[in-house]
Amino acid sequence: GLGIRIREDALRQVFYGDCSAEDVTLAKACLVTQRADIMMNRIPITKANWGRLPRDYIVCTDDRAIPEVAQRRMIDAVGCSRVVTMATSHSPFFSAPDALAQHLHALTL
């Protein structure tokens, strides 16, 4: 099937803008082609199933893959109980793993 890949020279700018060179190298080694249909097709959801689950969201304000305004639209569309903001790129699991872990832990309480 059709797949989506980000150009090698754009990866850092789009996903890893605030990550170390070492982390970018590791990330690139782990990337695989994303199926296009996952991003192009709507997934049916219902209030009886997915809609009843509580949702939280971590906004990455420096994200160049999904700009903050788009993240905020997604939050408004699905409704989130709690929203946390981090001044990171799309990949806080590389650029700010300790802070991300603290936020995730706090969201479980």
PDB file of N, CA and C in Angstrom:
ATOM      1  N   GLY A   1       0.813  -1.189   0.000  1.00  0.00           N
ATOM      2  CA  GLY A   1       0.000   0.000   0.000  1.00  0.00           C
ATOM      3  C   GLY A   1       0.859   1.257   0.000  1.00  0.00           C
ATOM      4  N   LEU A   2       0.197   2.341  -0.159  1.00  0.00           N
ATOM      5  CA  LEU A   2       0.838   3.642  -0.194  1.00  0.00           C
ATOM      6  C   LEU A   2       1.362   4.010   1.182  1.00  0.00           C
ATOM      7  N   GLY A   3       2.562   4.563   1.227  1.00  0.00           N
ATOM      8  CA  GLY A   3       3.161   4.929   2.507  1.00  0.00           C
ATOM      9  C   GLY A   3       3.622   6.368   2.521  1.00  0.00           C
ATOM     10  N   ILE A   4       3.782   6.907   3.725  1.00  0.00           N
ATOM     11  CA  ILE A   4       4.227   8.283   3.901  1.00  0.00           C
ATOM     12  C   ILE A   4       5.577   8.280   4.602  1.00  0.00           C
ATOM     13  N   ARG A   5       6.512   9.025   4.038  1.00  0.00           N
ATOM     14  CA  ARG A   5       7.829   9.207   4.649  1.00  0.00           C
ATOM     15  C   ARG A   5       8.158  10.687   4.604  1.00  0.00           C
ATOM     16  N   ILE A   6       8.843  11.163   5.602  1.00  0.00           N
ATOM     17  CA  ILE A   6       9.330  12.541   5.632  1.00  0.00           C
ATOM     18  C   ILE A   6      10.746  12.533   5.060  1.00  0.00           C
ATOM     19  N   ARG A   7      11.038  13.511   4.205  1.00  0.00           N
ATOM     20  CA  ARG A   7      12.383  13.587   3.633  1.00  0.00           C
ATOM     21  C   ARG A   7      13.429  13.592   4.739  1.00  0.00           C
ATOM     22  N   GLU A   8      14.510  12.900   4.499  1.00  0.00           N
ATOM     23  CA  GLU A   8      15.605  12.785   5.472  1.00  0.00           C
ATOM     24  C   GLU A   8      16.083  14.160   5.944  1.00  0.00           C
ATOM     25  N   ASP A   9      16.204  15.103   5.033  1.00  0.00           N
ATOM     26  CA  ASP A   9      16.724  16.418   5.399  1.00  0.00           C
ATOM     27  C   ASP A   9      15.710  17.257   6.173  1.00  0.00           C
ATOM     28  N   ALA A  10      14.455  16.846   6.242  1.00  0.00           N
ATOM     29  CA  ALA A  10      13.422  17.591   6.967  1.00  0.00           C
ATOM     30  C   ALA A  10      13.077  16.973   8.316  1.00  0.00           C
ATOM     31  N   LEU A  11      13.539  15.774   8.578  1.00  0.00           N
ATOM     32  CA  LEU A  11      13.161  15.066   9.808  1.00  0.00           C
ATOM     33  C   LEU A  11      13.454  15.864  11.068  1.00  0.00           C
ATOM     34  N   ARG A  12      14.661  16.386  11.179  1.00  0.00           N
ATOM     35  CA  ARG A  12      15.019  17.117  12.398  1.00  0.00           C
ATOM     36  C   ARG A  12      14.115  18.327  12.584  1.00  0.00           C
ATOM     37  N   GLN A  13      13.930  19.102  11.535  1.00  0.00           N
ATOM     38  CA  GLN A  13      13.107  20.309  11.629  1.00  0.00           C
ATOM     39  C   GLN A  13      11.668  19.969  11.997  1.00  0.00           C
ATOM     40  N   VAL A  14      11.099  18.942  11.406  1.00  0.00           N
ATOM     41  CA  VAL A  14       9.683  18.611  11.614  1.00  0.00           C
ATOM     42  C   VAL A  14       9.435  17.938  12.964  1.00  0.00           C
ATOM     43  N   PHE A  15      10.252  16.972  13.333  1.00  0.00           N
ATOM     44  CA  PHE A  15       9.964  16.158  14.512  1.00  0.00           C
ATOM     45  C   PHE A  15      10.913  16.355  15.705  1.00  0.00           C
ATOM     46  N   TYR A  16      12.142  16.742  15.441  1.00  0.00           N
ATOM     47  CA  TYR A  16      13.162  16.693  16.491  1.00  0.00           C
ATOM     48  C   TYR A  16      13.927  18.007  16.655  1.00  0.00           C
ATOM     49  N   GLY A  17      13.268  19.132  16.505  1.00  0.00           N
ATOM     50  CA  GLY A  17      13.918  20.434  16.501  1.00  0.00           C
ATOM     51  C   GLY A  17      14.718  20.753  17.740  1.00  0.00           C
ATOM     52  N   ASP A  18      14.335  20.232  18.885  1.00  0.00           N
ATOM     53  CA  ASP A  18      15.034  20.531  20.135  1.00  0.00           C
ATOM     54  C   ASP A  18      15.735  19.303  20.715  1.00  0.00           C
ATOM     55  N   CYS A  19      16.005  18.327  19.879  1.00  0.00           N
ATOM     56  CA  CYS A  19      16.631  17.086  20.330  1.00  0.00           C
ATOM     57  C   CYS A  19      18.126  17.089  20.022  1.00  0.00           C
ATOM     58  N   SER A  20      18.858  16.326  20.804  1.00  0.00           N
ATOM     59  CA  SER A  20      20.302  16.215  20.572  1.00  0.00           C
ATOM     60  C   SER A  20      20.562  15.456  19.271  1.00  0.00           C
ATOM     61  N   ALA A  21      21.740  15.665  18.710  1.00  0.00           N
ATOM     62  CA  ALA A  21      22.128  14.956  17.492  1.00  0.00           C
ATOM     63  C   ALA A  21      22.095  13.445  17.710  1.00  0.00           C
ATOM     64  N   GLU A  22      22.518  13.019  18.895  1.00  0.00           N
ATOM     65  CA  GLU A  22      22.504  11.591  19.223  1.00  0.00           C
ATOM     66  C   GLU A  22      21.078  11.036  19.202  1.00  0.00           C
ATOM     67  N   ASP A  23      20.133  11.780  19.780  1.00  0.00           N
ATOM     68  CA  ASP A  23      18.741  11.327  19.788  1.00  0.00           C
ATOM     69  C   ASP A  23      18.138  11.325  18.389  1.00  0.00           C
ATOM     70  N   VAL A  24      18.499  12.296  17.573  1.00  0.00           N
ATOM     71  CA  VAL A  24      18.000  12.335  16.193  1.00  0.00           C
ATOM     72  C   VAL A  24      18.501  11.114  15.427  1.00  0.00           C
ATOM     73  N   THR A  25      19.757  10.764  15.616  1.00  0.00           N
ATOM     74  CA  THR A  25      20.316   9.578  14.964  1.00  0.00           C
ATOM     75  C   THR A  25      19.565   8.323  15.403  1.00  0.00           C
ATOM     76  N   LEU A  26      19.310   8.189  16.695  1.00  0.00           N
ATOM     77  CA  LEU A  26      18.551   7.044  17.205  1.00  0.00           C
ATOM     78  C   LEU A  26      17.134   7.037  16.632  1.00  0.00           C
ATOM     79  N   ALA A  27      16.486   8.183  16.632  1.00  0.00           N
ATOM     80  CA  ALA A  27      15.121   8.273  16.123  1.00  0.00           C
ATOM     81  C   ALA A  27      15.053   7.862  14.656  1.00  0.00           C
ATOM     82  N   LYS A  28      15.974   8.360  13.859  1.00  0.00           N
ATOM     83  CA  LYS A  28      15.987   8.016  12.434  1.00  0.00           C
ATOM     84  C   LYS A  28      16.137   6.515  12.231  1.00  0.00           C
ATOM     85  N   ALA A  29      16.945   5.874  13.058  1.00  0.00           N
ATOM     86  CA  ALA A  29      17.160   4.432  12.935  1.00  0.00           C
ATOM     87  C   ALA A  29      15.897   3.635  13.267  1.00  0.00           C
ATOM     88  N   CYS A  30      14.990   4.239  14.033  1.00  0.00           N
ATOM     89  CA  CYS A  30      13.779   3.542  14.466  1.00  0.00           C
ATOM     90  C   CYS A  30      12.566   3.819  13.581  1.00  0.00           C
ATOM     91  N   LEU A  31      12.674   4.780  12.683  1.00  0.00           N
ATOM     92  CA  LEU A  31      11.524   5.167  11.862  1.00  0.00           C
ATOM     93  C   LEU A  31      11.198   4.124  10.803  1.00  0.00           C
ATOM     94  N   VAL A  32       9.918   3.976  10.540  1.00  0.00           N
ATOM     95  CA  VAL A  32       9.430   3.117   9.465  1.00  0.00           C
ATOM     96  C   VAL A  32       8.412   3.921   8.651  1.00  0.00           C
ATOM     97  N   THR A  33       8.114   3.463   7.463  1.00  0.00           N
ATOM     98  CA  THR A  33       7.129   4.116   6.620  1.00  0.00           C
ATOM     99  C   THR A  33       5.751   4.008   7.270  1.00  0.00           C
ATOM    100  N   GLN A  34       5.032   5.126   7.311  1.00  0.00           N
ATOM    101  CA  GLN A  34       3.679   5.170   7.885  1.00  0.00           C
ATOM    102  C   GLN A  34       2.666   4.881   6.777  1.00  0.00           C
ATOM    103  N   ARG A  35       1.723   4.001   7.033  1.00  0.00           N
ATOM    104  CA  ARG A  35       0.675   3.724   6.054  1.00  0.00           C
ATOM    105  C   ARG A  35      -0.142   4.992   5.815  1.00  0.00           C
ATOM    106  N   ALA A  36      -0.352   5.341   4.573  1.00  0.00           N
ATOM    107  CA  ALA A  36      -1.074   6.569   4.221  1.00  0.00           C
ATOM    108  C   ALA A  36      -2.538   6.507   4.631  1.00  0.00           C
ATOM    109  N   ASP A  37      -3.160   5.341   4.559  1.00  0.00           N
ATOM    110  CA  ASP A  37      -4.592   5.255   4.855  1.00  0.00           C
ATOM    111  C   ASP A  37      -4.907   5.585   6.308  1.00  0.00           C
ATOM    112  N   ILE A  38      -3.949   5.430   7.201  1.00  0.00           N
ATOM    113  CA  ILE A  38      -4.165   5.752   8.604  1.00  0.00           C
ATOM    114  C   ILE A  38      -4.401   7.246   8.773  1.00  0.00           C
ATOM    115  N   MET A  39      -3.696   8.052   8.000  1.00  0.00           N
ATOM    116  CA  MET A  39      -3.845   9.499   8.106  1.00  0.00           C
ATOM    117  C   MET A  39      -4.958  10.047   7.221  1.00  0.00           C
ATOM    118  N   MET A  40      -5.353   9.322   6.199  1.00  0.00           N
ATOM    119  CA  MET A  40      -6.310   9.836   5.225  1.00  0.00           C
ATOM    120  C   MET A  40      -7.763   9.438   5.513  1.00  0.00           C
ATOM    121  N   ASN A  41      -7.969   8.364   6.233  1.00  0.00           N
ATOM    122  CA  ASN A  41      -9.324   7.867   6.470  1.00  0.00           C
ATOM    123  C   ASN A  41      -9.816   8.238   7.863  1.00  0.00           C
ATOM    124  N   ARG A  42     -11.082   8.583   7.948  1.00  0.00           N
ATOM    125  CA  ARG A  42     -11.688   8.852   9.250  1.00  0.00           C
ATOM    126  C   ARG A  42     -11.973   7.525   9.946  1.00  0.00           C
ATOM    127  N   ILE A  43     -11.778   7.515  11.231  1.00  0.00           N
ATOM    128  CA  ILE A  43     -12.056   6.323  12.025  1.00  0.00           C
ATOM    129  C   ILE A  43     -13.380   6.564  12.738  1.00  0.00           C
ATOM    130  N   PRO A  44     -14.354   5.669  12.570  1.00  0.00           N
ATOM    131  CA  PRO A  44     -15.632   5.880  13.250  1.00  0.00           C
ATOM    132  C   PRO A  44     -15.500   5.695  14.763  1.00  0.00           C
ATOM    133  N   ILE A  45     -15.995   6.667  15.505  1.00  0.00           N
ATOM    134  CA  ILE A  45     -15.980   6.576  16.965  1.00  0.00           C
ATOM    135  C   ILE A  45     -17.392   6.843  17.470  1.00  0.00           C
ATOM    136  N   THR A  46     -17.692   6.280  18.622  1.00  0.00           N
ATOM    137  CA  THR A  46     -19.019   6.475  19.202  1.00  0.00           C
ATOM    138  C   THR A  46     -18.871   6.903  20.657  1.00  0.00           C
ATOM    139  N   LYS A  47     -19.879   7.602  21.160  1.00  0.00           N
ATOM    140  CA  LYS A  47     -19.861   7.980  22.572  1.00  0.00           C
ATOM    141  C   LYS A  47     -19.946   6.749  23.463  1.00  0.00           C
ATOM    142  N   ALA A  48     -20.609   5.709  22.996  1.00  0.00           N
ATOM    143  CA  ALA A  48     -20.765   4.492  23.796  1.00  0.00           C
ATOM    144  C   ALA A  48     -19.440   3.770  24.007  1.00  0.00           C
ATOM    145  N   ASN A  49     -18.522   3.934  23.109  1.00  0.00           N
ATOM    146  CA  ASN A  49     -17.230   3.250  23.238  1.00  0.00           C
ATOM    147  C   ASN A  49     -16.125   4.256  23.537  1.00  0.00           C
ATOM    148  N   TRP A  50     -15.450   4.722  22.533  1.00  0.00           N
ATOM    149  CA  TRP A  50     -14.327   5.636  22.728  1.00  0.00           C
ATOM    150  C   TRP A  50     -14.743   6.901  23.457  1.00  0.00           C
ATOM    151  N   GLY A  51     -15.919   7.394  23.195  1.00  0.00           N
ATOM    152  CA  GLY A  51     -16.386   8.639  23.788  1.00  0.00           C
ATOM    153  C   GLY A  51     -16.512   8.609  25.295  1.00  0.00           C
ATOM    154  N   ARG A  52     -16.649   7.454  25.885  1.00  0.00           N
ATOM    155  CA  ARG A  52     -16.798   7.376  27.345  1.00  0.00           C
ATOM    156  C   ARG A  52     -15.471   7.354  28.084  1.00  0.00           C
ATOM    157  N   LEU A  53     -14.372   7.266  27.366  1.00  0.00           N
ATOM    158  CA  LEU A  53     -13.054   7.219  27.989  1.00  0.00           C
ATOM    159  C   LEU A  53     -12.568   8.625  28.316  1.00  0.00           C
ATOM    160  N   PRO A  54     -12.041   8.822  29.511  1.00  0.00           N
ATOM    161  CA  PRO A  54     -11.466  10.139  29.830  1.00  0.00           C
ATOM    162  C   PRO A  54     -10.189  10.352  29.012  1.00  0.00           C
ATOM    163  N   ARG A  55      -9.976  11.585  28.585  1.00  0.00           N
ATOM    164  CA  ARG A  55      -8.811  11.905  27.766  1.00  0.00           C
ATOM    165  C   ARG A  55      -8.064  13.090  28.361  1.00  0.00           C
ATOM    166  N   ASP A  56      -6.755  13.017  28.310  1.00  0.00           N
ATOM    167  CA  ASP A  56      -5.876  14.109  28.676  1.00  0.00           C
ATOM    168  C   ASP A  56      -4.988  14.366  27.466  1.00  0.00           C
ATOM    169  N   TYR A  57      -4.331  15.519  27.439  1.00  0.00           N
ATOM    170  CA  TYR A  57      -3.516  15.859  26.277  1.00  0.00           C
ATOM    171  C   TYR A  57      -2.299  16.651  26.726  1.00  0.00           C
ATOM    172  N   ILE A  58      -1.169  16.379  26.102  1.00  0.00           N
ATOM    173  CA  ILE A  58       0.042  17.154  26.335  1.00  0.00           C
ATOM    174  C   ILE A  58       0.317  17.948  25.062  1.00  0.00           C
ATOM    175  N   VAL A  59       0.166  19.262  25.146  1.00  0.00           N
ATOM    176  CA  VAL A  59       0.421  20.156  24.026  1.00  0.00           C
ATOM    177  C   VAL A  59       1.912  20.425  23.956  1.00  0.00           C
ATOM    178  N   CYS A  60       2.486  20.247  22.785  1.00  0.00           N
ATOM    179  CA  CYS A  60       3.893  20.576  22.548  1.00  0.00           C
ATOM    180  C   CYS A  60       3.901  21.870  21.744  1.00  0.00           C
ATOM    181  N   THR A  61       4.218  22.972  22.404  1.00  0.00           N
ATOM    182  CA  THR A  61       4.046  24.295  21.798  1.00  0.00           C
ATOM    183  C   THR A  61       5.007  24.585  20.650  1.00  0.00           C
ATOM    184  N   ASP A  62       6.128  23.873  20.574  1.00  0.00           N
ATOM    185  CA  ASP A  62       7.092  24.104  19.497  1.00  0.00           C
ATOM    186  C   ASP A  62       7.039  23.005  18.437  1.00  0.00           C
ATOM    187  N   ASP A  63       5.945  22.269  18.409  1.00  0.00           N
ATOM    188  CA  ASP A  63       5.756  21.157  17.471  1.00  0.00           C
ATOM    189  C   ASP A  63       5.589  21.707  16.054  1.00  0.00           C
ATOM    190  N   ARG A  64       6.420  21.232  15.131  1.00  0.00           N
ATOM    191  CA  ARG A  64       6.305  21.645  13.731  1.00  0.00           C
ATOM    192  C   ARG A  64       5.589  20.591  12.888  1.00  0.00           C
ATOM    193  N   ALA A  65       5.350  19.424  13.443  1.00  0.00           N
ATOM    194  CA  ALA A  65       4.596  18.395  12.731  1.00  0.00           C
ATOM    195  C   ALA A  65       3.098  18.648  12.892  1.00  0.00           C
ATOM    196  N   ILE A  66       2.677  18.996  14.110  1.00  0.00           N
ATOM    197  CA  ILE A  66       1.287  19.334  14.402  1.00  0.00           C
ATOM    198  C   ILE A  66       1.314  20.655  15.161  1.00  0.00           C
ATOM    199  N   PRO A  67       1.123  21.768  14.468  1.00  0.00           N
ATOM    200  CA  PRO A  67       1.202  23.076  15.131  1.00  0.00           C
ATOM    201  C   PRO A  67       0.240  23.178  16.314  1.00  0.00           C
ATOM    202  N   GLU A  68       0.600  24.024  17.276  1.00  0.00           N
ATOM    203  CA  GLU A  68      -0.211  24.153  18.487  1.00  0.00           C
ATOM    204  C   GLU A  68      -1.670  24.456  18.175  1.00  0.00           C
ATOM    205  N   VAL A  69      -1.943  25.305  17.202  1.00  0.00           N
ATOM    206  CA  VAL A  69      -3.334  25.639  16.871  1.00  0.00           C
ATOM    207  C   VAL A  69      -4.104  24.382  16.442  1.00  0.00           C
ATOM    208  N   ALA A  70      -3.463  23.488  15.713  1.00  0.00           N
ATOM    209  CA  ALA A  70      -4.110  22.233  15.310  1.00  0.00           C
ATOM    210  C   ALA A  70      -4.302  21.316  16.517  1.00  0.00           C
ATOM    211  N   GLN A  71      -3.337  21.292  17.420  1.00  0.00           N
ATOM    212  CA  GLN A  71      -3.482  20.495  18.633  1.00  0.00           C
ATOM    213  C   GLN A  71      -4.678  20.992  19.446  1.00  0.00           C
ATOM    214  N   ARG A  72      -4.809  22.309  19.553  1.00  0.00           N
ATOM    215  CA  ARG A  72      -5.922  22.892  20.325  1.00  0.00           C
ATOM    216  C   ARG A  72      -7.262  22.569  19.678  1.00  0.00           C
ATOM    217  N   ARG A  73      -7.304  22.533  18.339  1.00  0.00           N
ATOM    218  CA  ARG A  73      -8.550  22.137  17.653  1.00  0.00           C
ATOM    219  C   ARG A  73      -8.902  20.685  17.964  1.00  0.00           C
ATOM    220  N   MET A  74      -7.889  19.819  17.990  1.00  0.00           N
ATOM    221  CA  MET A  74      -8.141  18.408  18.319  1.00  0.00           C
ATOM    222  C   MET A  74      -8.665  18.273  19.743  1.00  0.00           C
ATOM    223  N   ILE A  75      -8.088  19.032  20.661  1.00  0.00           N
ATOM    224  CA  ILE A  75      -8.537  19.008  22.057  1.00  0.00           C
ATOM    225  C   ILE A  75      -9.987  19.434  22.142  1.00  0.00           C
ATOM    226  N   ASP A  76     -10.339  20.518  21.457  1.00  0.00           N
ATOM    227  CA  ASP A  76     -11.715  21.013  21.464  1.00  0.00           C
ATOM    228  C   ASP A  76     -12.670  20.010  20.823  1.00  0.00           C
ATOM    229  N   ALA A  77     -12.218  19.336  19.777  1.00  0.00           N
ATOM    230  CA  ALA A  77     -13.082  18.397  19.045  1.00  0.00           C
ATOM    231  C   ALA A  77     -13.428  17.167  19.874  1.00  0.00           C
ATOM    232  N   VAL A  78     -12.487  16.665  20.655  1.00  0.00           N
ATOM    233  CA  VAL A  78     -12.737  15.423  21.393  1.00  0.00           C
ATOM    234  C   VAL A  78     -13.006  15.643  22.868  1.00  0.00           C
ATOM    235  N   GLY A  79     -12.628  16.809  23.368  1.00  0.00           N
ATOM    236  CA  GLY A  79     -12.807  17.085  24.790  1.00  0.00           C
ATOM    237  C   GLY A  79     -11.768  16.359  25.620  1.00  0.00           C
ATOM    238  N   CYS A  80     -11.047  17.106  26.390  1.00  0.00           N
ATOM    239  CA  CYS A  80     -10.024  16.524  27.256  1.00  0.00           C
ATOM    240  C   CYS A  80     -10.243  17.012  28.673  1.00  0.00           C
ATOM    241  N   SER A  81     -10.062  16.123  29.629  1.00  0.00           N
ATOM    242  CA  SER A  81     -10.232  16.477  31.031  1.00  0.00           C
ATOM    243  C   SER A  81      -9.132  17.412  31.493  1.00  0.00           C
ATOM    244  N   ARG A  82      -7.899  17.076  31.152  1.00  0.00           N
ATOM    245  CA  ARG A  82      -6.750  17.870  31.584  1.00  0.00           C
ATOM    246  C   ARG A  82      -5.821  18.086  30.400  1.00  0.00           C
ATOM    247  N   VAL A  83      -5.264  19.277  30.331  1.00  0.00           N
ATOM    248  CA  VAL A  83      -4.320  19.619  29.269  1.00  0.00           C
ATOM    249  C   VAL A  83      -3.053  20.150  29.920  1.00  0.00           C
ATOM    250  N   VAL A  84      -1.929  19.587  29.524  1.00  0.00           N
ATOM    251  CA  VAL A  84      -0.617  20.000  30.009  1.00  0.00           C
ATOM    252  C   VAL A  84       0.121  20.611  28.826  1.00  0.00           C
ATOM    253  N   THR A  85       0.898  21.638  29.068  1.00  0.00           N
ATOM    254  CA  THR A  85       1.658  22.292  28.007  1.00  0.00           C
ATOM    255  C   THR A  85       3.145  22.118  28.257  1.00  0.00           C
ATOM    256  N   MET A  86       3.859  21.734  27.207  1.00  0.00           N
ATOM    257  CA  MET A  86       5.311  21.614  27.261  1.00  0.00           C
ATOM    258  C   MET A  86       5.896  22.426  26.107  1.00  0.00           C
ATOM    259  N   ALA A  87       6.931  23.182  26.369  1.00  0.00           N
ATOM    260  CA  ALA A  87       7.616  23.967  25.336  1.00  0.00           C
ATOM    261  C   ALA A  87       8.654  23.080  24.657  1.00  0.00           C
ATOM    262  N   THR A  88       8.147  22.113  23.871  1.00  0.00           N
ATOM    263  CA  THR A  88       9.027  21.164  23.185  1.00  0.00           C
ATOM    264  C   THR A  88       8.569  20.981  21.752  1.00  0.00           C
ATOM    265  N   SER A  89       9.408  20.277  21.006  1.00  0.00           N
ATOM    266  CA  SER A  89       9.064  19.859  19.655  1.00  0.00           C
ATOM    267  C   SER A  89       8.066  18.704  19.739  1.00  0.00           C
ATOM    268  N   HIS A  90       7.871  18.037  18.636  1.00  0.00           N
ATOM    269  CA  HIS A  90       6.956  16.900  18.535  1.00  0.00           C
ATOM    270  C   HIS A  90       7.419  15.703  19.371  1.00  0.00           C
ATOM    271  N   SER A  91       8.658  15.744  19.837  1.00  0.00           N
ATOM    272  CA  SER A  91       9.271  14.564  20.457  1.00  0.00           C
ATOM    273  C   SER A  91       9.798  14.813  21.864  1.00  0.00           C
ATOM    274  N   PRO A  92       8.928  15.154  22.820  1.00  0.00           N
ATOM    275  CA  PRO A  92       9.410  15.391  24.178  1.00  0.00           C
ATOM    276  C   PRO A  92       9.987  14.137  24.832  1.00  0.00           C
ATOM    277  N   PHE A  93       9.664  12.982  24.313  1.00  0.00           N
ATOM    278  CA  PHE A  93      10.216  11.733  24.846  1.00  0.00           C
ATOM    279  C   PHE A  93      11.710  11.657  24.597  1.00  0.00           C
ATOM    280  N   PHE A  94      12.233  12.454  23.633  1.00  0.00           N
ATOM    281  CA  PHE A  94      13.677  12.583  23.431  1.00  0.00           C
ATOM    282  C   PHE A  94      14.212  13.863  24.072  1.00  0.00           C
ATOM    283  N   SER A  95      13.536  14.987  23.832  1.00  0.00           N
ATOM    284  CA  SER A  95      14.101  16.275  24.245  1.00  0.00           C
ATOM    285  C   SER A  95      13.889  16.603  25.719  1.00  0.00           C
ATOM    286  N   ALA A  96      12.831  16.075  26.329  1.00  0.00           N
ATOM    287  CA  ALA A  96      12.536  16.365  27.740  1.00  0.00           C
ATOM    288  C   ALA A  96      11.912  15.154  28.421  1.00  0.00           C
ATOM    289  N   PRO A  97      12.611  14.017  28.411  1.00  0.00           N
ATOM    290  CA  PRO A  97      11.998  12.782  28.923  1.00  0.00           C
ATOM    291  C   PRO A  97      11.625  12.830  30.399  1.00  0.00           C
ATOM    292  N   ASP A  98      12.438  13.483  31.224  1.00  0.00           N
ATOM    293  CA  ASP A  98      12.124  13.543  32.657  1.00  0.00           C
ATOM    294  C   ASP A  98      10.854  14.369  32.898  1.00  0.00           C
ATOM    295  N   ALA A  99      10.760  15.528  32.256  1.00  0.00           N
ATOM    296  CA  ALA A  99       9.566  16.369  32.412  1.00  0.00           C
ATOM    297  C   ALA A  99       8.332  15.656  31.860  1.00  0.00           C
ATOM    298  N   LEU A 100       8.482  14.989  30.720  1.00  0.00           N
ATOM    299  CA  LEU A 100       7.352  14.248  30.150  1.00  0.00           C
ATOM    300  C   LEU A 100       6.910  13.146  31.097  1.00  0.00           C
ATOM    301  N   ALA A 101       7.836  12.417  31.652  1.00  0.00           N
ATOM    302  CA  ALA A 101       7.499  11.344  32.604  1.00  0.00           C
ATOM    303  C   ALA A 101       6.774  11.906  33.823  1.00  0.00           C
ATOM    304  N   GLN A 102       7.213  13.058  34.323  1.00  0.00           N
ATOM    305  CA  GLN A 102       6.546  13.685  35.464  1.00  0.00           C
ATOM    306  C   GLN A 102       5.111  14.060  35.105  1.00  0.00           C
ATOM    307  N   HIS A 103       4.920  14.620  33.911  1.00  0.00           N
ATOM    308  CA  HIS A 103       3.552  14.980  33.495  1.00  0.00           C
ATOM    309  C   HIS A 103       2.686  13.737  33.339  1.00  0.00           C
ATOM    310  N   LEU A 104       3.214  12.713  32.721  1.00  0.00           N
ATOM    311  CA  LEU A 104       2.436  11.481  32.545  1.00  0.00           C
ATOM    312  C   LEU A 104       2.080  10.871  33.894  1.00  0.00           C
ATOM    313  N   HIS A 105       3.021  10.858  34.812  1.00  0.00           N
ATOM    314  CA  HIS A 105       2.743  10.342  36.146  1.00  0.00           C
ATOM    315  C   HIS A 105       1.658  11.165  36.820  1.00  0.00           C
ATOM    316  N   ALA A 106       1.755  12.480  36.754  1.00  0.00           N
ATOM    317  CA  ALA A 106       0.756  13.346  37.380  1.00  0.00           C
ATOM    318  C   ALA A 106      -0.625  13.118  36.787  1.00  0.00           C
ATOM    319  N   LEU A 107      -0.692  12.816  35.490  1.00  0.00           N
ATOM    320  CA  LEU A 107      -1.982  12.580  34.837  1.00  0.00           C
ATOM    321  C   LEU A 107      -2.615  11.264  35.264  1.00  0.00           C
ATOM    322  N   THR A 108      -1.829  10.355  35.842  1.00  0.00           N
ATOM    323  CA  THR A 108      -2.392   9.076  36.298  1.00  0.00           C
ATOM    324  C   THR A 108      -2.990   9.181  37.695  1.00  0.00           C
ATOM    325  N   LEU A 109      -2.726  10.274  38.395  1.00  0.00           N
ATOM    326  CA  LEU A 109      -3.187  10.424  39.783  1.00  0.00           C
ATOM    327  C   LEU A 109      -4.625  10.883  39.828  1.00  0.00           C
TER     328      LEU A 109
END
